[in-house]
Amino acid sequence: MKTVIVIDTEDTAGMESTRRIVDHLMKTYHKIPYDSSDPFGSKIRTIKTMRSYVRWCKETYGNDWQEAIGSLRASKTYVETLDAKWDTKF
């Protein structure tokens, strides 16, 4: 399916209608593929990742694990251990 949409930038009501049309088309026809390797891809995966982070802090930092949880350095080190395929380098 191909659709051509012409937008008149001087017609604000028309621009809002165009936005609604595009939103409807995206919800109806475009499904974003689910990436199972993303550690924050869903609510359950996010909870599991956060619990894994707490467990990792307890194992890595011993008695100081509660301070390490809020540490940017510890967070960065943990994120580097994830097997996610992210484009950005940490």
Protein backbone atom coordinates (compact mmCIF):
# COMPACT_ATOMS: atom_id res chain seq x y z
CA MET A 1 0.00 0.00 0.00
CA LYS A 2 1.35 3.40 -0.95
CA THR A 3 -0.10 6.66 0.28
CA VAL A 4 0.85 10.20 -0.67
CA ILE A 5 -0.02 12.88 1.86
CA VAL A 6 0.21 16.56 1.03
CA ILE A 7 0.49 18.89 4.02
CA ASP A 8 -0.48 22.55 3.93
CA THR A 9 1.69 24.11 6.65
CA GLU A 10 -0.56 27.15 6.85
CA ASP A 11 -3.61 25.06 7.78
CA THR A 12 -3.16 24.00 11.43
CA ALA A 13 -6.40 22.01 11.52
CA GLY A 14 -5.34 20.15 8.39
CA MET A 15 -1.93 19.41 9.91
CA GLU A 16 -3.61 17.93 12.99
CA SER A 17 -5.82 15.78 10.76
CA THR A 18 -2.74 14.61 8.87
CA ARG A 19 -1.05 13.66 12.15
CA ARG A 20 -4.10 11.61 13.15
CA ILE A 21 -4.14 9.86 9.77
CA VAL A 22 -0.43 8.98 10.02
CA ASP A 23 -0.87 7.77 13.63
CA HIS A 24 -3.74 5.54 12.52
CA LEU A 25 -1.71 4.13 9.62
CA MET A 26 1.28 3.44 11.87
CA LYS A 27 -0.87 1.62 14.46
CA THR A 28 -2.72 -0.37 11.81
CA TYR A 29 -0.02 -1.34 9.32
CA HIS A 30 3.41 -0.88 10.90
CA LYS A 31 4.41 -3.27 13.65
CA ILE A 32 7.78 -2.72 15.29
CA PRO A 33 9.56 -6.06 15.64
CA TYR A 34 10.21 -7.19 19.20
CA ASP A 35 13.91 -7.43 20.06
CA SER A 36 14.31 -10.24 22.59
CA SER A 37 17.94 -9.31 23.26
CA ASP A 38 16.97 -5.86 24.59
CA PRO A 39 17.22 -6.04 28.41
CA PHE A 40 14.61 -3.26 28.74
CA GLY A 41 12.27 -4.42 25.97
CA SER A 42 9.25 -5.06 28.18
CA LYS A 43 8.14 -4.48 31.76
CA ILE A 44 9.04 -8.03 32.79
CA ARG A 45 12.48 -7.81 31.12
CA THR A 46 13.11 -4.46 32.84
CA ILE A 47 12.21 -5.89 36.25
CA LYS A 48 14.45 -8.90 35.64
CA THR A 49 17.30 -6.63 34.57
CA MET A 50 16.93 -4.43 37.66
CA ARG A 51 16.87 -7.46 39.96
CA SER A 52 19.91 -8.83 38.18
CA TYR A 53 21.67 -5.48 38.75
CA VAL A 54 20.98 -5.63 42.50
CA ARG A 55 22.24 -9.23 42.62
CA TRP A 56 25.36 -8.22 40.65
CA CYS A 57 26.03 -5.32 43.05
CA LYS A 58 25.75 -7.67 46.05
CA GLU A 59 28.21 -10.11 44.48
CA THR A 60 30.66 -7.49 43.23
CA TYR A 61 30.71 -4.97 46.08
CA GLY A 62 30.07 -7.17 49.12
CA ASN A 63 29.05 -5.13 52.18
CA ASP A 64 29.14 -1.84 50.21
CA TRP A 65 26.51 -2.98 47.72
CA GLN A 66 23.87 -0.50 48.92
CA GLU A 67 26.14 2.44 48.13
CA ALA A 68 27.16 0.89 44.81
CA ILE A 69 23.57 0.64 43.57
CA GLY A 70 23.35 4.43 43.24
CA SER A 71 26.85 4.76 41.83
CA LEU A 72 27.18 5.82 38.20
CA ARG A 73 30.44 3.86 37.94
CA ALA A 74 28.78 0.63 39.10
CA SER A 75 25.83 1.19 36.77
CA LYS A 76 28.14 1.77 33.81
CA THR A 77 30.17 -1.34 34.61
CA TYR A 78 27.02 -3.44 34.86
CA VAL A 79 25.60 -2.13 31.58
CA GLU A 80 28.86 -3.06 29.87
CA THR A 81 28.36 -6.66 31.04
CA LEU A 82 24.95 -6.95 29.35
CA ASP A 83 24.78 -8.97 26.17
CA ALA A 84 22.50 -6.47 24.45
CA LYS A 85 23.27 -5.44 20.91
CA TRP A 86 23.24 -1.68 21.26
CA ASP A 87 24.62 0.66 18.62
CA THR A 88 26.15 3.01 21.17
CA LYS A 89 29.41 2.23 22.92
CA PHE A 90 29.48 2.88 26.62
